[in-house]
PDB file of N, CA and C in Angstrom:
ATOM      1  N   LYS A   1       0.720  -1.117   0.011  1.00  0.00           N
ATOM      2  CA  LYS A   1       0.175   0.155   0.026  1.00  0.00           C
ATOM      3  C   LYS A   1       0.939   1.266   0.199  1.00  0.00           C
ATOM      4  N   PHE A   2       1.943   1.232   0.837  1.00  0.00           N
ATOM      5  CA  PHE A   2       2.721   2.362   0.931  1.00  0.00           C
ATOM      6  C   PHE A   2       4.107   2.613  -0.117  1.00  0.00           C
ATOM      7  N   ASP A   3       4.275   1.309  -0.756  1.00  0.00           N
ATOM      8  CA  ASP A   3       5.465   1.437  -1.496  1.00  0.00           C
ATOM      9  C   ASP A   3       6.520   1.950  -0.954  1.00  0.00           C
ATOM     10  N   ASN A   4       7.148   1.233   0.232  1.00  0.00           N
ATOM     11  CA  ASN A   4       8.105   1.880   0.817  1.00  0.00           C
ATOM     12  C   ASN A   4       9.178   0.652   0.224  1.00  0.00           C
ATOM     13  N   GLU A   5      10.322   0.324   0.159  1.00  0.00           N
ATOM     14  CA  GLU A   5      11.263  -0.108   0.061  1.00  0.00           C
ATOM     15  C   GLU A   5      12.312  -0.279   1.376  1.00  0.00           C
ATOM     16  N   PHE A   6      12.560  -0.836   2.057  1.00  0.00           N
ATOM     17  CA  PHE A   6      13.783  -0.945   2.886  1.00  0.00           C
ATOM     18  C   PHE A   6      14.449  -2.310   2.645  1.00  0.00           C
ATOM     19  N   TYR A   7      15.913  -1.272   2.888  1.00  0.00           N
ATOM     20  CA  TYR A   7      16.745  -2.891   3.206  1.00  0.00           C
ATOM     21  C   TYR A   7      17.806  -2.395   4.396  1.00  0.00           C
ATOM     22  N   SER A   8      18.346  -3.510   4.693  1.00  0.00           N
ATOM     23  CA  SER A   8      19.064  -3.194   5.708  1.00  0.00           C
ATOM     24  C   SER A   8      20.332  -4.004   6.165  1.00  0.00           C
ATOM     25  N   ILE A   9      21.309  -3.985   6.848  1.00  0.00           N
ATOM     26  CA  ILE A   9      22.516  -4.882   7.173  1.00  0.00           C
ATOM     27  C   ILE A   9      22.392  -5.047   8.580  1.00  0.00           C
ATOM     28  N   GLU A  10      22.248  -6.449   9.167  1.00  0.00           N
ATOM     29  CA  GLU A  10      22.249  -6.552  10.330  1.00  0.00           C
ATOM     30  C   GLU A  10      24.039  -7.335  11.120  1.00  0.00           C
ATOM     31  N   LYS A  11      24.038  -7.215  12.168  1.00  0.00           N
ATOM     32  CA  LYS A  11      25.415  -7.593  12.628  1.00  0.00           C
ATOM     33  C   LYS A  11      24.804  -8.014  14.415  1.00  0.00           C
ATOM     34  N   LYS A  12      25.079  -9.175  14.246  1.00  0.00           N
ATOM     35  CA  LYS A  12      24.921  -9.882  16.098  1.00  0.00           C
ATOM     36  C   LYS A  12      25.904  -9.423  16.593  1.00  0.00           C
ATOM     37  N   LEU A  13      25.542  -8.959  17.885  1.00  0.00           N
ATOM     38  CA  LEU A  13      26.681  -8.688  19.068  1.00  0.00           C
ATOM     39  C   LEU A  13      27.376  -9.647  19.185  1.00  0.00           C
ATOM     40  N   PRO A  14      28.483 -10.010  19.478  1.00  0.00           N
ATOM     41  CA  PRO A  14      29.311 -11.568  19.830  1.00  0.00           C
ATOM     42  C   PRO A  14      29.316 -11.386  21.372  1.00  0.00           C
ATOM     43  N   ASP A  15      28.863 -10.347  22.289  1.00  0.00           N
ATOM     44  CA  ASP A  15      28.991 -10.521  23.622  1.00  0.00           C
ATOM     45  C   ASP A  15      27.496 -11.179  23.987  1.00  0.00           C
ATOM     46  N   HIS A  16      26.405 -10.421  23.499  1.00  0.00           N
ATOM     47  CA  HIS A  16      25.141 -10.621  23.244  1.00  0.00           C
ATOM     48  C   HIS A  16      24.361 -10.945  22.089  1.00  0.00           C
ATOM     49  N   PRO A  17      24.209 -12.075  21.849  1.00  0.00           N
ATOM     50  CA  PRO A  17      23.678 -12.854  20.548  1.00  0.00           C
ATOM     51  C   PRO A  17      22.277 -12.812  20.428  1.00  0.00           C
ATOM     52  N   ASP A  18      21.643 -12.220  21.912  1.00  0.00           N
ATOM     53  CA  ASP A  18      20.121 -11.601  21.316  1.00  0.00           C
ATOM     54  C   ASP A  18      19.770 -10.357  20.824  1.00  0.00           C
ATOM     55  N   TYR A  19      20.966  -9.696  20.751  1.00  0.00           N
ATOM     56  CA  TYR A  19      21.027  -8.241  20.017  1.00  0.00           C
ATOM     57  C   TYR A  19      21.816  -8.529  18.651  1.00  0.00           C
ATOM     58  N   SER A  20      21.160  -7.485  17.877  1.00  0.00           N
ATOM     59  CA  SER A  20      21.656  -6.954  16.670  1.00  0.00           C
ATOM     60  C   SER A  20      21.866  -5.424  16.404  1.00  0.00           C
ATOM     61  N   LEU A  21      22.758  -4.804  15.918  1.00  0.00           N
ATOM     62  CA  LEU A  21      22.673  -3.691  15.499  1.00  0.00           C
ATOM     63  C   LEU A  21      22.371  -3.529  14.191  1.00  0.00           C
ATOM     64  N   LEU A  22      21.690  -2.501  13.692  1.00  0.00           N
ATOM     65  CA  LEU A  22      20.827  -2.353  12.017  1.00  0.00           C
ATOM     66  C   LEU A  22      21.768  -1.134  11.585  1.00  0.00           C
ATOM     67  N   VAL A  23      21.641  -1.478  10.394  1.00  0.00           N
ATOM     68  CA  VAL A  23      21.675  -0.050   9.368  1.00  0.00           C
ATOM     69  C   VAL A  23      21.230  -0.352   8.194  1.00  0.00           C
ATOM     70  N   GLY A  24      20.175   0.607   7.491  1.00  0.00           N
ATOM     71  CA  GLY A  24      19.621   0.550   6.337  1.00  0.00           C
ATOM     72  C   GLY A  24      19.065   1.816   5.881  1.00  0.00           C
ATOM     73  N   THR A  25      18.467   1.781   4.761  1.00  0.00           N
ATOM     74  CA  THR A  25      17.718   2.723   4.017  1.00  0.00           C
ATOM     75  C   THR A  25      16.425   2.267   3.537  1.00  0.00           C
ATOM     76  N   MET A  26      15.538   3.241   3.020  1.00  0.00           N
ATOM     77  CA  MET A  26      14.126   2.849   2.881  1.00  0.00           C
ATOM     78  C   MET A  26      13.595   4.099   1.935  1.00  0.00           C
ATOM     79  N   ARG A  27      12.866   3.804   1.211  1.00  0.00           N
ATOM     80  CA  ARG A  27      12.011   4.883   0.549  1.00  0.00           C
ATOM     81  C   ARG A  27      10.718   5.167   1.380  1.00  0.00           C
ATOM     82  N   ASN A  28      10.406   6.264   1.581  1.00  0.00           N
ATOM     83  CA  ASN A  28       9.266   6.571   2.760  1.00  0.00           C
ATOM     84  C   ASN A  28       8.072   6.780   1.806  1.00  0.00           C
ATOM     85  N   SER A  29       6.882   6.863   2.329  1.00  0.00           N
ATOM     86  CA  SER A  29       5.637   6.546   1.495  1.00  0.00           C
ATOM     87  C   SER A  29       5.164   7.798   0.446  1.00  0.00           C
ATOM     88  N   TYR A  30       6.417   8.898   0.740  1.00  0.00           N
ATOM     89  CA  TYR A  30       6.404   9.935  -0.128  1.00  0.00           C
ATOM     90  C   TYR A  30       7.768  10.043  -1.271  1.00  0.00           C
ATOM     91  N   GLY A  31       8.318   8.753  -1.359  1.00  0.00           N
ATOM     92  CA  GLY A  31       9.475   8.890  -2.481  1.00  0.00           C
ATOM     93  C   GLY A  31      10.737   9.335  -1.859  1.00  0.00           C
ATOM     94  N   ASP A  32      10.779   9.560  -0.618  1.00  0.00           N
ATOM     95  CA  ASP A  32      12.186  10.365   0.178  1.00  0.00           C
ATOM     96  C   ASP A  32      13.205   9.243   0.432  1.00  0.00           C
ATOM     97  N   ARG A  33      14.405   9.351   0.717  1.00  0.00           N
ATOM     98  CA  ARG A  33      15.244   8.196   1.192  1.00  0.00           C
ATOM     99  C   ARG A  33      15.774   8.475   2.409  1.00  0.00           C
ATOM    100  N   CYS A  34      15.677   7.608   3.105  1.00  0.00           N
ATOM    101  CA  CYS A  34      15.760   7.773   4.555  1.00  0.00           C
ATOM    102  C   CYS A  34      16.799   6.912   4.962  1.00  0.00           C
ATOM    103  N   LEU A  35      17.519   7.157   6.105  1.00  0.00           N
ATOM    104  CA  LEU A  35      18.504   6.447   6.764  1.00  0.00           C
ATOM    105  C   LEU A  35      17.984   5.724   7.803  1.00  0.00           C
ATOM    106  N   SER A  36      18.050   4.703   8.270  1.00  0.00           N
ATOM    107  CA  SER A  36      17.522   3.731   9.492  1.00  0.00           C
ATOM    108  C   SER A  36      18.575   3.004   9.750  1.00  0.00           C
ATOM    109  N   LEU A  37      18.773   3.577  11.276  1.00  0.00           N
ATOM    110  CA  LEU A  37      19.722   2.879  12.622  1.00  0.00           C
ATOM    111  C   LEU A  37      18.785   2.463  13.509  1.00  0.00           C
ATOM    112  N   GLY A  38      19.302   1.007  13.763  1.00  0.00           N
ATOM    113  CA  GLY A  38      18.367   0.221  15.037  1.00  0.00           C
ATOM    114  C   GLY A  38      18.935  -0.932  15.675  1.00  0.00           C
ATOM    115  N   VAL A  39      18.314  -1.308  16.673  1.00  0.00           N
ATOM    116  CA  VAL A  39      18.628  -2.221  17.631  1.00  0.00           C
ATOM    117  C   VAL A  39      17.531  -3.414  17.390  1.00  0.00           C
ATOM    118  N   ARG A  40      17.888  -4.811  17.110  1.00  0.00           N
ATOM    119  CA  ARG A  40      17.071  -5.771  17.036  1.00  0.00           C
ATOM    120  C   ARG A  40      17.348  -6.645  18.333  1.00  0.00           C
ATOM    121  N   LYS A  41      15.864  -6.510  18.980  1.00  0.00           N
ATOM    122  CA  LYS A  41      15.711  -7.700  20.107  1.00  0.00           C
ATOM    123  C   LYS A  41      15.287  -9.023  19.718  1.00  0.00           C
ATOM    124  N   ASP A  42      15.804 -10.320  19.828  1.00  0.00           N
ATOM    125  CA  ASP A  42      15.301 -11.809  19.738  1.00  0.00           C
ATOM    126  C   ASP A  42      14.587 -11.907  21.153  1.00  0.00           C
ATOM    127  N   TRP A  43      13.351 -11.683  21.352  1.00  0.00           N
ATOM    128  CA  TRP A  43      12.602 -11.516  22.787  1.00  0.00           C
ATOM    129  C   TRP A  43      12.071 -13.188  23.095  1.00  0.00           C
ATOM    130  N   ALA A  44      11.868 -14.207  21.764  1.00  0.00           N
ATOM    131  CA  ALA A  44      11.802 -15.462  22.429  1.00  0.00           C
ATOM    132  C   ALA A  44      11.824 -16.229  20.991  1.00  0.00           C
ATOM    133  N   GLU A  45      12.494 -17.938  21.190  1.00  0.00           N
ATOM    134  CA  GLU A  45      13.063 -18.498  19.984  1.00  0.00           C
ATOM    135  C   GLU A  45      12.268 -19.788  20.464  1.00  0.00           C
ATOM    136  N   LYS A  46      12.148 -20.526  19.425  1.00  0.00           N
ATOM    137  CA  LYS A  46      11.447 -21.724  19.686  1.00  0.00           C
ATOM    138  C   LYS A  46      11.614 -22.390  18.230  1.00  0.00           C
ATOM    139  N   ASP A  47      12.139 -23.831  18.082  1.00  0.00           N
ATOM    140  CA  ASP A  47      12.394 -24.312  16.968  1.00  0.00           C
ATOM    141  C   ASP A  47      12.980 -23.237  15.638  1.00  0.00           C
ATOM    142  N   ASN A  48      11.964 -23.394  14.714  1.00  0.00           N
ATOM    143  CA  ASN A  48      12.899 -22.299  13.718  1.00  0.00           C
ATOM    144  C   ASN A  48      11.748 -20.761  13.530  1.00  0.00           C
ATOM    145  N   ILE A  49      10.994 -20.655  15.282  1.00  0.00           N
ATOM    146  CA  ILE A  49      10.285 -19.880  14.919  1.00  0.00           C
ATOM    147  C   ILE A  49      11.090 -18.699  15.841  1.00  0.00           C
ATOM    148  N   VAL A  50      11.023 -16.989  15.332  1.00  0.00           N
ATOM    149  CA  VAL A  50      11.464 -16.214  16.111  1.00  0.00           C
ATOM    150  C   VAL A  50      10.799 -15.256  16.785  1.00  0.00           C
ATOM    151  N   PHE A  51      10.206 -14.880  17.763  1.00  0.00           N
ATOM    152  CA  PHE A  51       9.830 -13.610  18.020  1.00  0.00           C
ATOM    153  C   PHE A  51      10.544 -12.276  18.214  1.00  0.00           C
ATOM    154  N   LYS A  52      10.742 -10.981  17.613  1.00  0.00           N
ATOM    155  CA  LYS A  52      11.812 -10.429  17.600  1.00  0.00           C
ATOM    156  C   LYS A  52      11.142  -8.788  17.797  1.00  0.00           C
ATOM    157  N   GLY A  53      11.817  -7.723  18.502  1.00  0.00           N
ATOM    158  CA  GLY A  53      11.556  -6.467  18.286  1.00  0.00           C
ATOM    159  C   GLY A  53      12.669  -5.696  17.499  1.00  0.00           C
ATOM    160  N   ILE A  54      12.329  -4.848  16.794  1.00  0.00           N
ATOM    161  CA  ILE A  54      13.197  -3.784  16.465  1.00  0.00           C
ATOM    162  C   ILE A  54      13.004  -2.478  16.918  1.00  0.00           C
ATOM    163  N   TYR A  55      13.828  -1.792  17.575  1.00  0.00           N
ATOM    164  CA  TYR A  55      13.269  -0.378  17.753  1.00  0.00           C
ATOM    165  C   TYR A  55      14.773   0.438  17.348  1.00  0.00           C
ATOM    166  N   GLY A  56      14.049   1.519  16.163  1.00  0.00           N
ATOM    167  CA  GLY A  56      14.928   2.580  15.426  1.00  0.00           C
ATOM    168  C   GLY A  56      14.598   3.759  15.180  1.00  0.00           C
ATOM    169  N   TYR A  57      15.773   4.466  14.364  1.00  0.00           N
ATOM    170  CA  TYR A  57      15.492   5.955  14.084  1.00  0.00           C
ATOM    171  C   TYR A  57      15.260   5.933  12.424  1.00  0.00           C
ATOM    172  N   THR A  58      14.605   6.467  11.863  1.00  0.00           N
ATOM    173  CA  THR A  58      14.206   6.542  10.590  1.00  0.00           C
ATOM    174  C   THR A  58      14.432   7.950  10.048  1.00  0.00           C
ATOM    175  N   GLY A  59      14.941   8.477   9.344  1.00  0.00           N
ATOM    176  CA  GLY A  59      15.098   9.622   9.003  1.00  0.00           C
ATOM    177  C   GLY A  59      16.092  10.458   8.444  1.00  0.00           C
ATOM    178  N   GLU A  60      16.212  11.664   8.540  1.00  0.00           N
ATOM    179  CA  GLU A  60      17.595  12.641   7.677  1.00  0.00           C
ATOM    180  C   GLU A  60      18.788  12.145   8.523  1.00  0.00           C
ATOM    181  N   PHE A  61      19.825  12.643   7.530  1.00  0.00           N
ATOM    182  CA  PHE A  61      21.355  12.201   8.046  1.00  0.00           C
ATOM    183  C   PHE A  61      21.797  13.508   7.354  1.00  0.00           C
ATOM    184  N   PHE A  62      22.795  13.673   7.325  1.00  0.00           N
ATOM    185  CA  PHE A  62      23.733  14.659   7.175  1.00  0.00           C
ATOM    186  C   PHE A  62      24.242  14.891   5.620  1.00  0.00           C
ATOM    187  N   PHE A  63      23.926  13.426   5.285  1.00  0.00           N
ATOM    188  CA  PHE A  63      24.503  13.201   3.430  1.00  0.00           C
ATOM    189  C   PHE A  63      23.257  13.668   2.735  1.00  0.00           C
ATOM    190  N   ASP A  64      23.373  14.273   1.198  1.00  0.00           N
ATOM    191  CA  ASP A  64      22.400  14.665   0.780  1.00  0.00           C
ATOM    192  C   ASP A  64      21.212  13.615   0.560  1.00  0.00           C
ATOM    193  N   GLU A  65      21.916  12.641   0.085  1.00  0.00           N
ATOM    194  CA  GLU A  65      20.764  11.698  -0.005  1.00  0.00           C
ATOM    195  C   GLU A  65      19.703  11.520   0.645  1.00  0.00           C
ATOM    196  N   PHE A  66      20.158  11.657   2.110  1.00  0.00           N
ATOM    197  CA  PHE A  66      19.098  11.442   3.170  1.00  0.00           C
ATOM    198  C   PHE A  66      18.226  12.739   3.554  1.00  0.00           C
ATOM    199  N   SER A  67      18.572  14.550   2.859  1.00  0.00           N
ATOM    200  CA  SER A  67      18.330  15.335   3.211  1.00  0.00           C
ATOM    201  C   SER A  67      16.763  15.504   3.350  1.00  0.00           C
ATOM    202  N   LYS A  68      15.988  15.100   2.372  1.00  0.00           N
ATOM    203  CA  LYS A  68      14.555  14.950   2.072  1.00  0.00           C
ATOM    204  C   LYS A  68      13.673  14.701   2.784  1.00  0.00           C
ATOM    205  N   CYS A  69      14.283  13.433   3.991  1.00  0.00           N
ATOM    206  CA  CYS A  69      13.067  12.617   4.173  1.00  0.00           C
ATOM    207  C   CYS A  69      12.237  13.110   5.398  1.00  0.00           C
ATOM    208  N   GLY A  70      12.547  14.470   6.131  1.00  0.00           N
ATOM    209  CA  GLY A  70      11.529  15.018   6.862  1.00  0.00           C
ATOM    210  C   GLY A  70      10.575  16.372   5.887  1.00  0.00           C
ATOM    211  N   ASP A  71      10.714  15.965   4.812  1.00  0.00           N
ATOM    212  CA  ASP A  71       9.672  17.161   4.262  1.00  0.00           C
ATOM    213  C   ASP A  71       8.411  16.837   4.146  1.00  0.00           C
ATOM    214  N   GLU A  72       7.926  15.658   4.721  1.00  0.00           N
ATOM    215  CA  GLU A  72       6.793  15.368   4.455  1.00  0.00           C
ATOM    216  C   GLU A  72       6.041  14.589   5.671  1.00  0.00           C
ATOM    217  N   GLY A  73       4.524  14.310   6.025  1.00  0.00           N
ATOM    218  CA  GLY A  73       4.413  13.186   7.114  1.00  0.00           C
ATOM    219  C   GLY A  73       4.798  13.321   8.259  1.00  0.00           C
ATOM    220  N   ILE A  74       4.954  12.291   8.720  1.00  0.00           N
ATOM    221  CA  ILE A  74       5.014  12.458  10.100  1.00  0.00           C
ATOM    222  C   ILE A  74       6.739  12.988  10.374  1.00  0.00           C
ATOM    223  N   TYR A  75       7.253  12.218   9.541  1.00  0.00           N
ATOM    224  CA  TYR A  75       8.761  12.870   9.726  1.00  0.00           C
ATOM    225  C   TYR A  75       8.796  14.506   9.234  1.00  0.00           C
ATOM    226  N   HIS A  76       8.113  14.830   8.746  1.00  0.00           N
ATOM    227  CA  HIS A  76       8.062  16.626   8.814  1.00  0.00           C
ATOM    228  C   HIS A  76       7.121  16.773  10.282  1.00  0.00           C
ATOM    229  N   SER A  77       6.380  16.060  10.718  1.00  0.00           N
ATOM    230  CA  SER A  77       6.010  16.570  12.202  1.00  0.00           C
ATOM    231  C   SER A  77       7.197  16.622  13.171  1.00  0.00           C
ATOM    232  N   PHE A  78       7.812  15.323  13.029  1.00  0.00           N
ATOM    233  CA  PHE A  78       8.981  15.558  14.056  1.00  0.00           C
ATOM    234  C   PHE A  78       9.809  16.421  13.511  1.00  0.00           C
ATOM    235  N   LYS A  79      10.196  16.752  12.192  1.00  0.00           N
ATOM    236  CA  LYS A  79      11.239  18.111  12.340  1.00  0.00           C
ATOM    237  C   LYS A  79      10.635  19.366  12.692  1.00  0.00           C
ATOM    238  N   ASN A  80       9.650  19.974  12.863  1.00  0.00           N
ATOM    239  CA  ASN A  80       8.778  20.820  12.905  1.00  0.00           C
ATOM    240  C   ASN A  80       9.059  20.876  14.902  1.00  0.00           C
ATOM    241  N   ILE A  81       8.811  19.933  15.369  1.00  0.00           N
ATOM    242  CA  ILE A  81       8.979  19.864  16.979  1.00  0.00           C
ATOM    243  C   ILE A  81      10.641  19.953  17.451  1.00  0.00           C
ATOM    244  N   THR A  82      11.481  19.191  16.633  1.00  0.00           N
ATOM    245  CA  THR A  82      12.839  18.744  16.778  1.00  0.00           C
ATOM    246  C   THR A  82      13.885  19.317  15.957  1.00  0.00           C
ATOM    247  N   GLY A  83      13.302  19.537  14.948  1.00  0.00           N
ATOM    248  CA  GLY A  83      14.550  20.099  14.052  1.00  0.00           C
ATOM    249  C   GLY A  83      14.811  19.372  13.061  1.00  0.00           C
ATOM    250  N   VAL A  84      14.730  17.856  13.399  1.00  0.00           N
ATOM    251  CA  VAL A  84      15.250  16.905  12.582  1.00  0.00           C
ATOM    252  C   VAL A  84      14.037  16.216  12.308  1.00  0.00           C
ATOM    253  N   GLY A  85      13.584  15.704  10.733  1.00  0.00           N
ATOM    254  CA  GLY A  85      13.036  15.128  10.280  1.00  0.00           C
ATOM    255  C   GLY A  85      13.119  13.627  10.392  1.00  0.00           C
ATOM    256  N   PHE A  86      12.262  12.560  11.160  1.00  0.00           N
ATOM    257  CA  PHE A  86      12.898  11.314  11.577  1.00  0.00           C
ATOM    258  C   PHE A  86      11.116  10.885  11.932  1.00  0.00           C
ATOM    259  N   ALA A  87      11.408   9.560  12.234  1.00  0.00           N
ATOM    260  CA  ALA A  87      10.268   8.755  13.042  1.00  0.00           C
ATOM    261  C   ALA A  87      10.570   7.512  13.515  1.00  0.00           C
ATOM    262  N   PRO A  88      10.229   7.683  15.033  1.00  0.00           N
ATOM    263  CA  PRO A  88      10.725   5.948  15.770  1.00  0.00           C
ATOM    264  C   PRO A  88      10.169   5.134  15.503  1.00  0.00           C
ATOM    265  N   TYR A  89      10.840   3.916  14.765  1.00  0.00           N
ATOM    266  CA  TYR A  89      10.176   2.847  14.674  1.00  0.00           C
ATOM    267  C   TYR A  89      10.323   1.695  15.697  1.00  0.00           C
ATOM    268  N   ILE A  90       9.106   1.391  16.019  1.00  0.00           N
ATOM    269  CA  ILE A  90       8.725   0.385  16.783  1.00  0.00           C
ATOM    270  C   ILE A  90       8.492  -0.674  16.044  1.00  0.00           C
ATOM    271  N   TYR A  91       8.766  -2.111  16.241  1.00  0.00           N
ATOM    272  CA  TYR A  91       8.289  -3.077  15.187  1.00  0.00           C
ATOM    273  C   TYR A  91       8.358  -4.425  15.745  1.00  0.00           C
ATOM    274  N   HIS A  92       7.451  -5.172  16.180  1.00  0.00           N
ATOM    275  CA  HIS A  92       7.380  -6.326  16.718  1.00  0.00           C
ATOM    276  C   HIS A  92       6.713  -7.384  15.554  1.00  0.00           C
ATOM    277  N   ALA A  93       7.568  -8.622  15.349  1.00  0.00           N
ATOM    278  CA  ALA A  93       7.390  -9.629  14.400  1.00  0.00           C
ATOM    279  C   ALA A  93       7.515 -11.107  14.676  1.00  0.00           C
ATOM    280  N   VAL A  94       6.949 -11.941  14.059  1.00  0.00           N
ATOM    281  CA  VAL A  94       7.598 -13.720  14.209  1.00  0.00           C
ATOM    282  C   VAL A  94       7.817 -13.764  12.672  1.00  0.00           C
ATOM    283  N   GLN A  95       8.919 -14.603  13.421  1.00  0.00           N
ATOM    284  CA  GLN A  95       9.974 -15.037  11.925  1.00  0.00           C
ATOM    285  C   GLN A  95       9.939 -16.816  12.041  1.00  0.00           C
ATOM    286  N   TYR A  96       9.602 -16.997  10.965  1.00  0.00           N
ATOM    287  CA  TYR A  96       9.977 -18.091  10.410  1.00  0.00           C
ATOM    288  C   TYR A  96      10.834 -18.745   9.938  1.00  0.00           C
ATOM    289  N   ASN A  97      12.010 -19.488   9.973  1.00  0.00           N
ATOM    290  CA  ASN A  97      13.168 -19.997   9.447  1.00  0.00           C
ATOM    291  C   ASN A  97      13.030 -21.052   8.474  1.00  0.00           C
ATOM    292  N   PHE A  98      12.950 -21.052   7.409  1.00  0.00           N
ATOM    293  CA  PHE A  98      13.006 -22.196   6.427  1.00  0.00           C
ATOM    294  C   PHE A  98      14.075 -23.012   6.449  1.00  0.00           C
ATOM    295  N   THR A  99      15.453 -22.142   6.613  1.00  0.00           N
ATOM    296  CA  THR A  99      16.615 -22.897   6.779  1.00  0.00           C
ATOM    297  C   THR A  99      17.633 -21.830   7.555  1.00  0.00           C
ATOM    298  N   HIS A 100      18.947 -22.164   7.827  1.00  0.00           N
ATOM    299  CA  HIS A 100      19.551 -21.101   8.543  1.00  0.00           C
ATOM    300  C   HIS A 100      19.956 -19.768   7.535  1.00  0.00           C
ATOM    301  N   TYR A 101      19.716 -20.110   6.167  1.00  0.00           N
ATOM    302  CA  TYR A 101      20.051 -18.886   5.495  1.00  0.00           C
ATOM    303  C   TYR A 101      18.804 -18.455   4.839  1.00  0.00           C
ATOM    304  N   PHE A 102      17.686 -18.743   4.969  1.00  0.00           N
ATOM    305  CA  PHE A 102      16.348 -17.879   4.593  1.00  0.00           C
ATOM    306  C   PHE A 102      15.212 -18.153   5.479  1.00  0.00           C
ATOM    307  N   GLY A 103      14.359 -16.907   5.729  1.00  0.00           N
ATOM    308  CA  GLY A 103      13.448 -16.847   6.421  1.00  0.00           C
ATOM    309  C   GLY A 103      12.555 -16.102   6.123  1.00  0.00           C
ATOM    310  N   VAL A 104      11.022 -16.244   6.623  1.00  0.00           N
ATOM    311  CA  VAL A 104       9.964 -15.159   6.492  1.00  0.00           C
ATOM    312  C   VAL A 104       9.491 -14.401   7.881  1.00  0.00           C
ATOM    313  N   GLU A 105       9.008 -13.494   7.534  1.00  0.00           N
ATOM    314  CA  GLU A 105       8.699 -12.693   8.789  1.00  0.00           C
ATOM    315  C   GLU A 105       7.477 -11.739   8.432  1.00  0.00           C
ATOM    316  N   SER A 106       6.672 -11.535   9.523  1.00  0.00           N
ATOM    317  CA  SER A 106       5.525 -10.716   9.469  1.00  0.00           C
ATOM    318  C   SER A 106       5.174 -10.098  10.713  1.00  0.00           C
ATOM    319  N   GLY A 107       4.911  -8.588  10.766  1.00  0.00           N
ATOM    320  CA  GLY A 107       4.784  -8.082  11.991  1.00  0.00           C
ATOM    321  C   GLY A 107       3.696  -6.564  11.760  1.00  0.00           C
ATOM    322  N   ILE A 108       4.096  -5.860  13.137  1.00  0.00           N
ATOM    323  CA  ILE A 108       3.251  -4.462  12.608  1.00  0.00           C
ATOM    324  C   ILE A 108       4.619  -3.806  13.616  1.00  0.00           C
ATOM    325  N   ILE A 109       4.628  -2.328  12.448  1.00  0.00           N
ATOM    326  CA  ILE A 109       5.242  -1.345  12.759  1.00  0.00           C
ATOM    327  C   ILE A 109       4.307  -0.084  13.772  1.00  0.00           C
ATOM    328  N   PHE A 110       4.535   0.064  15.082  1.00  0.00           N
ATOM    329  CA  PHE A 110       3.320   0.493  15.836  1.00  0.00           C
ATOM    330  C   PHE A 110       3.305   2.021  14.968  1.00  0.00           C
ATOM    331  N   PRO A 111       2.170   2.357  14.961  1.00  0.00           N
ATOM    332  CA  PRO A 111       0.664   1.855  15.389  1.00  0.00           C
ATOM    333  C   PRO A 111       0.067   0.992  14.435  1.00  0.00           C
ATOM    334  N   SER A 112       0.313   0.934  13.472  1.00  0.00           N
ATOM    335  CA  SER A 112      -0.782   0.364  12.482  1.00  0.00           C
ATOM    336  C   SER A 112      -0.247  -0.009  11.128  1.00  0.00           C
ATOM    337  N   VAL A 113       1.088  -0.430  11.020  1.00  0.00           N
ATOM    338  CA  VAL A 113       1.715  -0.724   9.264  1.00  0.00           C
ATOM    339  C   VAL A 113       1.888  -2.173   9.422  1.00  0.00           C
ATOM    340  N   PHE A 114       1.351  -2.455   8.810  1.00  0.00           N
ATOM    341  CA  PHE A 114       1.594  -4.552   8.395  1.00  0.00           C
ATOM    342  C   PHE A 114       2.703  -4.467   7.582  1.00  0.00           C
ATOM    343  N   VAL A 115       3.670  -5.255   7.718  1.00  0.00           N
ATOM    344  CA  VAL A 115       4.971  -5.791   7.430  1.00  0.00           C
ATOM    345  C   VAL A 115       4.963  -7.123   7.157  1.00  0.00           C
ATOM    346  N   VAL A 116       5.362  -7.668   5.922  1.00  0.00           N
ATOM    347  CA  VAL A 116       5.761  -9.060   5.183  1.00  0.00           C
ATOM    348  C   VAL A 116       7.450  -8.807   4.849  1.00  0.00           C
ATOM    349  N   SER A 117       8.224  -9.718   4.942  1.00  0.00           N
ATOM    350  CA  SER A 117       9.492  -9.572   4.513  1.00  0.00           C
ATOM    351  C   SER A 117      10.073 -11.177   4.315  1.00  0.00           C
ATOM    352  N   LEU A 118      11.107 -10.970   3.537  1.00  0.00           N
ATOM    353  CA  LEU A 118      12.112 -12.082   3.729  1.00  0.00           C
ATOM    354  C   LEU A 118      13.631 -11.947   3.937  1.00  0.00           C
ATOM    355  N   ASN A 119      14.152 -12.673   4.445  1.00  0.00           N
ATOM    356  CA  ASN A 119      15.274 -12.442   5.067  1.00  0.00           C
ATOM    357  C   ASN A 119      16.136 -13.442   4.771  1.00  0.00           C
ATOM    358  N   TRP A 120      17.375 -12.907   4.240  1.00  0.00           N
ATOM    359  CA  TRP A 120      18.595 -14.018   3.506  1.00  0.00           C
ATOM    360  C   TRP A 120      19.651 -13.609   4.487  1.00  0.00           C
ATOM    361  N   ARG A 121      20.344 -14.824   5.077  1.00  0.00           N
ATOM    362  CA  ARG A 121      21.353 -14.813   6.154  1.00  0.00           C
ATOM    363  C   ARG A 121      22.479 -15.223   5.491  1.00  0.00           C
ATOM    364  N   PHE A 122      24.007 -14.858   5.802  1.00  0.00           N
ATOM    365  CA  PHE A 122      25.216 -15.150   5.187  1.00  0.00           C
ATOM    366  C   PHE A 122      26.049 -14.945   5.999  1.00  0.00           C
TER     367      PHE A 122
END
């Protein structure tokens, strides 16, 4: 519905295997490129199913490519209040891993954006 495109790279923390750091980019609903930075927490895991949360920042950054993210929508509302165009992302999902390298997940970005995604790990 929103035509958003999100790509990220995650790295698990060696000392805390339930946590990952992620950096990524997305096109928001208005076609603007945004930077995403976040932390992932695996809350529960059983067999091939993982319940996880991602808590992050998606918005403007000082590179020109990401400078227009706060021009419209919720990003613009935050820009009017804080001076920086961004949105805090709170995402919870259930992921099913078909193999060690491939999984499918579905979840909700607070308060009401439904997400389905594919995951490749290497």
